Amino acid sequence: MYCYSYEWAIVNYLNHTYTAHDIFTGRTDFLNDARGQRTGFKTRNAEFDLGYTHWVGDALELRSEIRFDHAFDAEAYDNPTDTPGGGKKNRLMLAADMIFHF
């Protein structure tokens, strides 16, 4: 018995160091999950992300981002497995985190 999964992806990052403590990031991503093994849905996915990182000294990193995801061939967002026909093809996310380097 064997398992075969076919998927491919491409990712692009563009970073700009504004000051020694401030970095802006842009990211685009495309994933073709042809069998649905990676994400659970047979679909092509695209992602667009804008982020900002601020360093406080040398040990604390504060990050924020806004991200838009789109599934081309399936309603892969908003828990479509619990509510059949109730999923969506788009998702918008705002996120932030803090990393302490030690």
PDB file of N, CA and C in Angstrom:
ATOM      1  N   MET A   1       0.847  -1.186   0.000  1.00  0.00           N
ATOM      2  CA  MET A   1       0.000   0.000   0.000  1.00  0.00           C
ATOM      3  C   MET A   1       0.889   1.245   0.000  1.00  0.00           C
ATOM      4  N   TYR A   2       0.519   2.238  -0.758  1.00  0.00           N
ATOM      5  CA  TYR A   2       1.294   3.464  -0.828  1.00  0.00           C
ATOM      6  C   TYR A   2       0.347   4.660  -0.914  1.00  0.00           C
ATOM      7  N   CYS A   3       0.911   5.811  -0.680  1.00  0.00           N
ATOM      8  CA  CYS A   3       0.147   7.050  -0.730  1.00  0.00           C
ATOM      9  C   CYS A   3       0.856   8.003  -1.680  1.00  0.00           C
ATOM     10  N   TYR A   4       0.113   8.622  -2.562  1.00  0.00           N
ATOM     11  CA  TYR A   4       0.685   9.569  -3.502  1.00  0.00           C
ATOM     12  C   TYR A   4      -0.079  10.885  -3.371  1.00  0.00           C
ATOM     13  N   SER A   5       0.660  11.937  -3.137  1.00  0.00           N
ATOM     14  CA  SER A   5       0.051  13.255  -3.038  1.00  0.00           C
ATOM     15  C   SER A   5       0.719  14.172  -4.049  1.00  0.00           C
ATOM     16  N   TYR A   6      -0.082  14.857  -4.819  1.00  0.00           N
ATOM     17  CA  TYR A   6       0.452  15.785  -5.802  1.00  0.00           C
ATOM     18  C   TYR A   6       0.080  17.197  -5.403  1.00  0.00           C
ATOM     19  N   GLU A   7       1.088  17.998  -5.139  1.00  0.00           N
ATOM     20  CA  GLU A   7       0.875  19.421  -4.919  1.00  0.00           C
ATOM     21  C   GLU A   7       2.146  20.152  -5.280  1.00  0.00           C
ATOM     22  N   TRP A   8       2.004  21.409  -5.588  1.00  0.00           N
ATOM     23  CA  TRP A   8       3.165  22.260  -5.816  1.00  0.00           C
ATOM     24  C   TRP A   8       2.801  23.671  -5.364  1.00  0.00           C
ATOM     25  N   ALA A   9       3.844  24.443  -5.046  1.00  0.00           N
ATOM     26  CA  ALA A   9       3.619  25.786  -4.527  1.00  0.00           C
ATOM     27  C   ALA A   9       4.745  26.710  -4.981  1.00  0.00           C
ATOM     28  N   ILE A  10       4.440  27.982  -4.946  1.00  0.00           N
ATOM     29  CA  ILE A  10       5.441  29.012  -5.201  1.00  0.00           C
ATOM     30  C   ILE A  10       5.184  30.144  -4.200  1.00  0.00           C
ATOM     31  N   VAL A  11       6.273  30.673  -3.643  1.00  0.00           N
ATOM     32  CA  VAL A  11       6.175  31.721  -2.626  1.00  0.00           C
ATOM     33  C   VAL A  11       7.122  32.853  -3.009  1.00  0.00           C
ATOM     34  N   ASN A  12       6.689  34.077  -2.779  1.00  0.00           N
ATOM     35  CA  ASN A  12       7.504  35.249  -3.058  1.00  0.00           C
ATOM     36  C   ASN A  12       7.487  36.166  -1.837  1.00  0.00           C
ATOM     37  N   TYR A  13       8.653  36.538  -1.351  1.00  0.00           N
ATOM     38  CA  TYR A  13       8.775  37.490  -0.247  1.00  0.00           C
ATOM     39  C   TYR A  13       9.452  38.758  -0.758  1.00  0.00           C
ATOM     40  N   LEU A  14       8.988  39.888  -0.283  1.00  0.00           N
ATOM     41  CA  LEU A  14       9.635  41.160  -0.544  1.00  0.00           C
ATOM     42  C   LEU A  14       9.739  41.882   0.796  1.00  0.00           C
ATOM     43  N   ASN A  15      10.960  42.074   1.275  1.00  0.00           N
ATOM     44  CA  ASN A  15      11.200  42.723   2.563  1.00  0.00           C
ATOM     45  C   ASN A  15      11.858  44.078   2.341  1.00  0.00           C
ATOM     46  N   HIS A  16      11.456  45.052   3.150  1.00  0.00           N
ATOM     47  CA  HIS A  16      12.060  46.381   3.098  1.00  0.00           C
ATOM     48  C   HIS A  16      12.412  46.810   4.517  1.00  0.00           C
ATOM     49  N   THR A  17      13.682  47.041   4.757  1.00  0.00           N
ATOM     50  CA  THR A  17      14.130  47.538   6.056  1.00  0.00           C
ATOM     51  C   THR A  17      13.998  49.050   6.036  1.00  0.00           C
ATOM     52  N   TYR A  18      13.024  49.565   6.765  1.00  0.00           N
ATOM     53  CA  TYR A  18      12.740  50.993   6.786  1.00  0.00           C
ATOM     54  C   TYR A  18      13.726  51.713   7.695  1.00  0.00           C
ATOM     55  N   THR A  19      13.906  51.182   8.901  1.00  0.00           N
ATOM     56  CA  THR A  19      14.938  51.659   9.828  1.00  0.00           C
ATOM     57  C   THR A  19      15.612  50.422  10.410  1.00  0.00           C
ATOM     58  N   ALA A  20      16.561  50.626  11.294  1.00  0.00           N
ATOM     59  CA  ALA A  20      17.242  49.487  11.917  1.00  0.00           C
ATOM     60  C   ALA A  20      16.291  48.638  12.755  1.00  0.00           C
ATOM     61  N   HIS A  21      15.132  49.194  13.137  1.00  0.00           N
ATOM     62  CA  HIS A  21      14.184  48.473  13.990  1.00  0.00           C
ATOM     63  C   HIS A  21      12.832  48.216  13.331  1.00  0.00           C
ATOM     64  N   ASP A  22      12.638  48.652  12.101  1.00  0.00           N
ATOM     65  CA  ASP A  22      11.334  48.538  11.436  1.00  0.00           C
ATOM     66  C   ASP A  22      11.487  47.877  10.065  1.00  0.00           C
ATOM     67  N   ILE A  23      10.691  46.820   9.843  1.00  0.00           N
ATOM     68  CA  ILE A  23      10.758  46.051   8.600  1.00  0.00           C
ATOM     69  C   ILE A  23       9.346  45.854   8.062  1.00  0.00           C
ATOM     70  N   PHE A  24       9.164  46.119   6.782  1.00  0.00           N
ATOM     71  CA  PHE A  24       7.903  45.849   6.101  1.00  0.00           C
ATOM     72  C   PHE A  24       8.084  44.612   5.224  1.00  0.00           C
ATOM     73  N   THR A  25       7.053  43.759   5.178  1.00  0.00           N
ATOM     74  CA  THR A  25       7.123  42.518   4.415  1.00  0.00           C
ATOM     75  C   THR A  25       5.880  42.367   3.548  1.00  0.00           C
ATOM     76  N   GLY A  26       6.089  41.961   2.310  1.00  0.00           N
ATOM     77  CA  GLY A  26       5.006  41.579   1.415  1.00  0.00           C
ATOM     78  C   GLY A  26       5.230  40.134   0.999  1.00  0.00           C
ATOM     79  N   ARG A  27       4.177  39.363   0.940  1.00  0.00           N
ATOM     80  CA  ARG A  27       4.301  37.951   0.573  1.00  0.00           C
ATOM     81  C   ARG A  27       3.143  37.571  -0.335  1.00  0.00           C
ATOM     82  N   THR A  28       3.461  36.841  -1.393  1.00  0.00           N
ATOM     83  CA  THR A  28       2.437  36.216  -2.226  1.00  0.00           C
ATOM     84  C   THR A  28       2.734  34.722  -2.258  1.00  0.00           C
ATOM     85  N   ASP A  29       1.688  33.939  -2.360  1.00  0.00           N
ATOM     86  CA  ASP A  29       1.838  32.489  -2.261  1.00  0.00           C
ATOM     87  C   ASP A  29       0.773  31.851  -3.146  1.00  0.00           C
ATOM     88  N   PHE A  30       1.141  30.802  -3.856  1.00  0.00           N
ATOM     89  CA  PHE A  30       0.178  30.027  -4.636  1.00  0.00           C
ATOM     90  C   PHE A  30       0.424  28.554  -4.355  1.00  0.00           C
ATOM     91  N   LEU A  31      -0.623  27.800  -4.036  1.00  0.00           N
ATOM     92  CA  LEU A  31      -0.537  26.374  -3.755  1.00  0.00           C
ATOM     93  C   LEU A  31      -1.579  25.647  -4.595  1.00  0.00           C
ATOM     94  N   ASN A  32      -1.144  24.631  -5.325  1.00  0.00           N
ATOM     95  CA  ASN A  32      -2.061  23.766  -6.057  1.00  0.00           C
ATOM     96  C   ASN A  32      -2.118  22.437  -5.306  1.00  0.00           C
ATOM     97  N   ASP A  33      -3.156  22.249  -4.521  1.00  0.00           N
ATOM     98  CA  ASP A  33      -3.354  21.011  -3.758  1.00  0.00           C
ATOM     99  C   ASP A  33      -4.287  20.112  -4.578  1.00  0.00           C
ATOM    100  N   ALA A  34      -3.725  19.448  -5.577  1.00  0.00           N
ATOM    101  CA  ALA A  34      -4.515  18.735  -6.586  1.00  0.00           C
ATOM    102  C   ALA A  34      -5.333  17.582  -6.021  1.00  0.00           C
ATOM    103  N   ARG A  35      -4.877  16.954  -4.951  1.00  0.00           N
ATOM    104  CA  ARG A  35      -5.620  15.837  -4.358  1.00  0.00           C
ATOM    105  C   ARG A  35      -6.263  16.188  -3.014  1.00  0.00           C
ATOM    106  N   GLY A  36      -5.993  17.378  -2.517  1.00  0.00           N
ATOM    107  CA  GLY A  36      -6.582  17.795  -1.244  1.00  0.00           C
ATOM    108  C   GLY A  36      -5.911  17.211  -0.019  1.00  0.00           C
ATOM    109  N   GLN A  37      -4.766  16.593  -0.182  1.00  0.00           N
ATOM    110  CA  GLN A  37      -4.115  15.966   0.965  1.00  0.00           C
ATOM    111  C   GLN A  37      -3.439  16.987   1.874  1.00  0.00           C
ATOM    112  N   ARG A  38      -2.953  18.079   1.328  1.00  0.00           N
ATOM    113  CA  ARG A  38      -2.251  19.083   2.129  1.00  0.00           C
ATOM    114  C   ARG A  38      -3.227  19.923   2.954  1.00  0.00           C
ATOM    115  N   THR A  39      -4.332  20.359   2.344  1.00  0.00           N
ATOM    116  CA  THR A  39      -5.255  21.284   3.010  1.00  0.00           C
ATOM    117  C   THR A  39      -6.603  20.664   3.372  1.00  0.00           C
ATOM    118  N   GLY A  40      -6.910  19.505   2.802  1.00  0.00           N
ATOM    119  CA  GLY A  40      -8.211  18.893   3.016  1.00  0.00           C
ATOM    120  C   GLY A  40      -9.218  19.224   1.923  1.00  0.00           C
ATOM    121  N   PHE A  41      -8.819  20.067   0.970  1.00  0.00           N
ATOM    122  CA  PHE A  41      -9.706  20.472  -0.126  1.00  0.00           C
ATOM    123  C   PHE A  41      -8.937  20.420  -1.436  1.00  0.00           C
ATOM    124  N   LYS A  42      -9.528  19.831  -2.464  1.00  0.00           N
ATOM    125  CA  LYS A  42      -8.924  19.823  -3.800  1.00  0.00           C
ATOM    126  C   LYS A  42      -9.143  21.193  -4.404  1.00  0.00           C
ATOM    127  N   THR A  43      -8.158  22.040  -4.287  1.00  0.00           N
ATOM    128  CA  THR A  43      -8.300  23.407  -4.785  1.00  0.00           C
ATOM    129  C   THR A  43      -6.938  24.059  -4.958  1.00  0.00           C
ATOM    130  N   ARG A  44      -6.949  25.110  -5.734  1.00  0.00           N
ATOM    131  CA  ARG A  44      -5.785  25.983  -5.846  1.00  0.00           C
ATOM    132  C   ARG A  44      -6.008  27.138  -4.882  1.00  0.00           C
ATOM    133  N   ASN A  45      -4.975  27.527  -4.146  1.00  0.00           N
ATOM    134  CA  ASN A  45      -5.070  28.577  -3.143  1.00  0.00           C
ATOM    135  C   ASN A  45      -4.080  29.693  -3.442  1.00  0.00           C
ATOM    136  N   ALA A  46      -4.491  30.929  -3.199  1.00  0.00           N
ATOM    137  CA  ALA A  46      -3.600  32.080  -3.307  1.00  0.00           C
ATOM    138  C   ALA A  46      -3.648  32.861  -2.005  1.00  0.00           C
ATOM    139  N   GLU A  47      -2.527  33.451  -1.648  1.00  0.00           N
ATOM    140  CA  GLU A  47      -2.433  34.232  -0.414  1.00  0.00           C
ATOM    141  C   GLU A  47      -1.699  35.531  -0.708  1.00  0.00           C
ATOM    142  N   PHE A  48      -2.180  36.606  -0.118  1.00  0.00           N
ATOM    143  CA  PHE A  48      -1.543  37.924  -0.206  1.00  0.00           C
ATOM    144  C   PHE A  48      -1.410  38.447   1.217  1.00  0.00           C
ATOM    145  N   ASP A  49      -0.203  38.831   1.607  1.00  0.00           N
ATOM    146  CA  ASP A  49       0.075  39.157   2.999  1.00  0.00           C
ATOM    147  C   ASP A  49       0.932  40.424   3.068  1.00  0.00           C
ATOM    148  N   LEU A  50       0.558  41.350   3.951  1.00  0.00           N
ATOM    149  CA  LEU A  50       1.374  42.522   4.259  1.00  0.00           C
ATOM    150  C   LEU A  50       1.678  42.493   5.744  1.00  0.00           C
ATOM    151  N   GLY A  51       2.963  42.643   6.083  1.00  0.00           N
ATOM    152  CA  GLY A  51       3.349  42.570   7.488  1.00  0.00           C
ATOM    153  C   GLY A  51       4.280  43.697   7.887  1.00  0.00           C
ATOM    154  N   TYR A  52       4.331  43.924   9.191  1.00  0.00           N
ATOM    155  CA  TYR A  52       5.201  44.938   9.776  1.00  0.00           C
ATOM    156  C   TYR A  52       5.852  44.339  11.019  1.00  0.00           C
ATOM    157  N   THR A  53       7.165  44.503  11.122  1.00  0.00           N
ATOM    158  CA  THR A  53       7.911  44.014  12.283  1.00  0.00           C
ATOM    159  C   THR A  53       8.639  45.187  12.922  1.00  0.00           C
ATOM    160  N   HIS A  54       8.548  45.267  14.247  1.00  0.00           N
ATOM    161  CA  HIS A  54       9.280  46.291  14.997  1.00  0.00           C
ATOM    162  C   HIS A  54      10.096  45.608  16.088  1.00  0.00           C
ATOM    163  N   TRP A  55      11.387  45.900  16.110  1.00  0.00           N
ATOM    164  CA  TRP A  55      12.283  45.369  17.138  1.00  0.00           C
ATOM    165  C   TRP A  55      12.372  46.367  18.282  1.00  0.00           C
ATOM    166  N   VAL A  56      12.175  45.883  19.505  1.00  0.00           N
ATOM    167  CA  VAL A  56      12.373  46.666  20.719  1.00  0.00           C
ATOM    168  C   VAL A  56      13.686  46.160  21.317  1.00  0.00           C
ATOM    169  N   GLY A  57      14.739  46.919  21.132  1.00  0.00           N
ATOM    170  CA  GLY A  57      16.060  46.457  21.563  1.00  0.00           C
ATOM    171  C   GLY A  57      16.516  45.291  20.699  1.00  0.00           C
ATOM    172  N   ASP A  58      17.256  44.355  21.306  1.00  0.00           N
ATOM    173  CA  ASP A  58      17.757  43.187  20.580  1.00  0.00           C
ATOM    174  C   ASP A  58      16.994  41.910  20.900  1.00  0.00           C
ATOM    175  N   ALA A  59      16.049  41.972  21.830  1.00  0.00           N
ATOM    176  CA  ALA A  59      15.430  40.739  22.306  1.00  0.00           C
ATOM    177  C   ALA A  59      13.938  40.618  22.022  1.00  0.00           C
ATOM    178  N   LEU A  60      13.243  41.700  21.751  1.00  0.00           N
ATOM    179  CA  LEU A  60      11.789  41.650  21.599  1.00  0.00           C
ATOM    180  C   LEU A  60      11.393  42.061  20.179  1.00  0.00           C
ATOM    181  N   GLU A  61      10.636  41.198  19.530  1.00  0.00           N
ATOM    182  CA  GLU A  61      10.179  41.418  18.155  1.00  0.00           C
ATOM    183  C   GLU A  61       8.649  41.451  18.156  1.00  0.00           C
ATOM    184  N   LEU A  62       8.067  42.554  17.712  1.00  0.00           N
ATOM    185  CA  LEU A  62       6.608  42.697  17.620  1.00  0.00           C
ATOM    186  C   LEU A  62       6.225  42.631  16.146  1.00  0.00           C
ATOM    187  N   ARG A  63       5.282  41.745  15.811  1.00  0.00           N
ATOM    188  CA  ARG A  63       4.896  41.559  14.410  1.00  0.00           C
ATOM    189  C   ARG A  63       3.385  41.675  14.253  1.00  0.00           C
ATOM    190  N   SER A  64       2.975  42.296  13.165  1.00  0.00           N
ATOM    191  CA  SER A  64       1.552  42.362  12.819  1.00  0.00           C
ATOM    192  C   SER A  64       1.416  42.091  11.327  1.00  0.00           C
ATOM    193  N   GLU A  65       0.246  41.614  10.929  1.00  0.00           N
ATOM    194  CA  GLU A  65       0.033  41.331   9.514  1.00  0.00           C
ATOM    195  C   GLU A  65      -1.442  41.366   9.171  1.00  0.00           C
ATOM    196  N   ILE A  66      -1.709  41.626   7.903  1.00  0.00           N
ATOM    197  CA  ILE A  66      -3.039  41.476   7.330  1.00  0.00           C
ATOM    198  C   ILE A  66      -2.871  40.526   6.150  1.00  0.00           C
ATOM    199  N   ARG A  67      -3.763  39.555   6.062  1.00  0.00           N
ATOM    200  CA  ARG A  67      -3.610  38.489   5.075  1.00  0.00           C
ATOM    201  C   ARG A  67      -4.960  38.203   4.409  1.00  0.00           C
ATOM    202  N   PHE A  68      -4.929  38.004   3.093  1.00  0.00           N
ATOM    203  CA  PHE A  68      -6.109  37.622   2.331  1.00  0.00           C
ATOM    204  C   PHE A  68      -5.827  36.288   1.657  1.00  0.00           C
ATOM    205  N   ASP A  69      -6.719  35.314   1.838  1.00  0.00           N
ATOM    206  CA  ASP A  69      -6.610  33.995   1.213  1.00  0.00           C
ATOM    207  C   ASP A  69      -7.791  33.796   0.271  1.00  0.00           C
ATOM    208  N   HIS A  70      -7.520  33.104  -0.836  1.00  0.00           N
ATOM    209  CA  HIS A  70      -8.586  32.777  -1.792  1.00  0.00           C
ATOM    210  C   HIS A  70      -8.416  31.329  -2.253  1.00  0.00           C
ATOM    211  N   ALA A  71      -9.485  30.549  -2.167  1.00  0.00           N
ATOM    212  CA  ALA A  71      -9.526  29.178  -2.695  1.00  0.00           C
ATOM    213  C   ALA A  71     -10.299  29.224  -4.008  1.00  0.00           C
ATOM    214  N   PHE A  72      -9.670  28.813  -5.106  1.00  0.00           N
ATOM    215  CA  PHE A  72     -10.270  28.954  -6.425  1.00  0.00           C
ATOM    216  C   PHE A  72     -11.360  27.917  -6.718  1.00  0.00           C
ATOM    217  N   ASP A  73     -11.194  26.682  -6.227  1.00  0.00           N
ATOM    218  CA  ASP A  73     -12.051  25.583  -6.683  1.00  0.00           C
ATOM    219  C   ASP A  73     -12.944  24.974  -5.604  1.00  0.00           C
ATOM    220  N   ALA A  74     -12.877  25.459  -4.384  1.00  0.00           N
ATOM    221  CA  ALA A  74     -13.681  24.884  -3.303  1.00  0.00           C
ATOM    222  C   ALA A  74     -13.984  25.959  -2.266  1.00  0.00           C
ATOM    223  N   GLU A  75     -15.059  25.759  -1.523  1.00  0.00           N
ATOM    224  CA  GLU A  75     -15.376  26.632  -0.395  1.00  0.00           C
ATOM    225  C   GLU A  75     -14.631  26.079   0.816  1.00  0.00           C
ATOM    226  N   ALA A  76     -13.395  26.495   0.987  1.00  0.00           N
ATOM    227  CA  ALA A  76     -12.501  25.885   1.966  1.00  0.00           C
ATOM    228  C   ALA A  76     -12.454  26.613   3.309  1.00  0.00           C
ATOM    229  N   TYR A  77     -13.149  27.730   3.457  1.00  0.00           N
ATOM    230  CA  TYR A  77     -13.049  28.524   4.685  1.00  0.00           C
ATOM    231  C   TYR A  77     -14.390  28.599   5.405  1.00  0.00           C
ATOM    232  N   ASP A  78     -14.353  28.983   6.664  1.00  0.00           N
ATOM    233  CA  ASP A  78     -15.523  29.097   7.543  1.00  0.00           C
ATOM    234  C   ASP A  78     -16.186  27.756   7.800  1.00  0.00           C
ATOM    235  N   ASN A  79     -15.369  26.724   8.023  1.00  0.00           N
ATOM    236  CA  ASN A  79     -15.809  25.397   8.459  1.00  0.00           C
ATOM    237  C   ASN A  79     -16.897  24.792   7.574  1.00  0.00           C
ATOM    238  N   PRO A  80     -16.626  24.601   6.288  1.00  0.00           N
ATOM    239  CA  PRO A  80     -17.649  24.051   5.397  1.00  0.00           C
ATOM    240  C   PRO A  80     -17.985  22.590   5.669  1.00  0.00           C
ATOM    241  N   THR A  81     -17.157  21.858   6.414  1.00  0.00           N
ATOM    242  CA  THR A  81     -17.477  20.463   6.704  1.00  0.00           C
ATOM    243  C   THR A  81     -18.587  20.350   7.741  1.00  0.00           C
ATOM    244  N   ASP A  82     -18.707  21.338   8.633  1.00  0.00           N
ATOM    245  CA  ASP A  82     -19.803  21.338   9.607  1.00  0.00           C
ATOM    246  C   ASP A  82     -21.098  21.876   9.022  1.00  0.00           C
ATOM    247  N   THR A  83     -20.997  22.780   8.085  1.00  0.00           N
ATOM    248  CA  THR A  83     -22.176  23.381   7.464  1.00  0.00           C
ATOM    249  C   THR A  83     -22.056  23.245   5.949  1.00  0.00           C
ATOM    250  N   PRO A  84     -22.453  22.095   5.391  1.00  0.00           N
ATOM    251  CA  PRO A  84     -22.330  21.899   3.935  1.00  0.00           C
ATOM    252  C   PRO A  84     -23.009  23.023   3.156  1.00  0.00           C
ATOM    253  N   GLY A  85     -22.283  23.546   2.183  1.00  0.00           N
ATOM    254  CA  GLY A  85     -22.792  24.662   1.398  1.00  0.00           C
ATOM    255  C   GLY A  85     -22.643  25.995   2.086  1.00  0.00           C
ATOM    256  N   GLY A  86     -22.122  26.006   3.298  1.00  0.00           N
ATOM    257  CA  GLY A  86     -21.998  27.249   4.048  1.00  0.00           C
ATOM    258  C   GLY A  86     -20.595  27.811   4.081  1.00  0.00           C
ATOM    259  N   GLY A  87     -19.672  27.199   3.350  1.00  0.00           N
ATOM    260  CA  GLY A  87     -18.292  27.672   3.340  1.00  0.00           C
ATOM    261  C   GLY A  87     -18.113  28.888   2.445  1.00  0.00           C
ATOM    262  N   LYS A  88     -16.900  29.401   2.472  1.00  0.00           N
ATOM    263  CA  LYS A  88     -16.567  30.569   1.654  1.00  0.00           C
ATOM    264  C   LYS A  88     -15.262  30.322   0.918  1.00  0.00           C
ATOM    265  N   LYS A  89     -15.064  31.037  -0.171  1.00  0.00           N
ATOM    266  CA  LYS A  89     -13.832  30.918  -0.947  1.00  0.00           C
ATOM    267  C   LYS A  89     -12.783  31.953  -0.536  1.00  0.00           C
ATOM    268  N   ASN A  90     -13.144  32.919   0.289  1.00  0.00           N
ATOM    269  CA  ASN A  90     -12.226  33.983   0.694  1.00  0.00           C
ATOM    270  C   ASN A  90     -12.132  34.065   2.210  1.00  0.00           C
ATOM    271  N   ARG A  91     -10.973  34.569   2.660  1.00  0.00           N
ATOM    272  CA  ARG A  91     -10.779  34.781   4.093  1.00  0.00           C
ATOM    273  C   ARG A  91      -9.852  35.974   4.274  1.00  0.00           C
ATOM    274  N   LEU A  92     -10.172  36.823   5.237  1.00  0.00           N
ATOM    275  CA  LEU A  92      -9.330  37.957   5.608  1.00  0.00           C
ATOM    276  C   LEU A  92      -8.921  37.777   7.056  1.00  0.00           C
ATOM    277  N   MET A  93      -7.638  37.943   7.332  1.00  0.00           N
ATOM    278  CA  MET A  93      -7.145  37.698   8.689  1.00  0.00           C
ATOM    279  C   MET A  93      -6.261  38.857   9.133  1.00  0.00           C
ATOM    280  N   LEU A  94      -6.449  39.290  10.357  1.00  0.00           N
ATOM    281  CA  LEU A  94      -5.554  40.227  11.026  1.00  0.00           C
ATOM    282  C   LEU A  94      -4.891  39.460  12.155  1.00  0.00           C
ATOM    283  N   ALA A  95      -3.583  39.585  12.288  1.00  0.00           N
ATOM    284  CA  ALA A  95      -2.877  38.819  13.315  1.00  0.00           C
ATOM    285  C   ALA A  95      -1.725  39.640  13.860  1.00  0.00           C
ATOM    286  N   ALA A  96      -1.299  39.298  15.075  1.00  0.00           N
ATOM    287  CA  ALA A  96      -0.141  39.911  15.708  1.00  0.00           C
ATOM    288  C   ALA A  96       0.486  38.911  16.655  1.00  0.00           C
ATOM    289  N   ASP A  97       1.787  39.041  16.813  1.00  0.00           N
ATOM    290  CA  ASP A  97       2.469  38.215  17.792  1.00  0.00           C
ATOM    291  C   ASP A  97       3.698  38.937  18.322  1.00  0.00           C
ATOM    292  N   MET A  98       4.260  38.345  19.360  1.00  0.00           N
ATOM    293  CA  MET A  98       5.430  38.906  20.013  1.00  0.00           C
ATOM    294  C   MET A  98       6.421  37.767  20.205  1.00  0.00           C
ATOM    295  N   ILE A  99       7.669  37.992  19.817  1.00  0.00           N
ATOM    296  CA  ILE A  99       8.696  36.973  19.950  1.00  0.00           C
ATOM    297  C   ILE A  99       9.795  37.513  20.854  1.00  0.00           C
ATOM    298  N   PHE A 100      10.106  36.758  21.879  1.00  0.00           N
ATOM    299  CA  PHE A 100      11.193  37.123  22.794  1.00  0.00           C
ATOM    300  C   PHE A 100      12.384  36.233  22.480  1.00  0.00           C
ATOM    301  N   HIS A 101      13.483  36.816  22.060  1.00  0.00           N
ATOM    302  CA  HIS A 101      14.705  36.084  21.721  1.00  0.00           C
ATOM    303  C   HIS A 101      15.603  36.014  22.953  1.00  0.00           C
ATOM    304  N   PHE A 102      16.007  34.799  23.321  1.00  0.00           N
ATOM    305  CA  PHE A 102      16.881  34.649  24.485  1.00  0.00           C
ATOM    306  C   PHE A 102      18.010  33.694  24.194  1.00  0.00           C
TER     307      PHE A 102
END
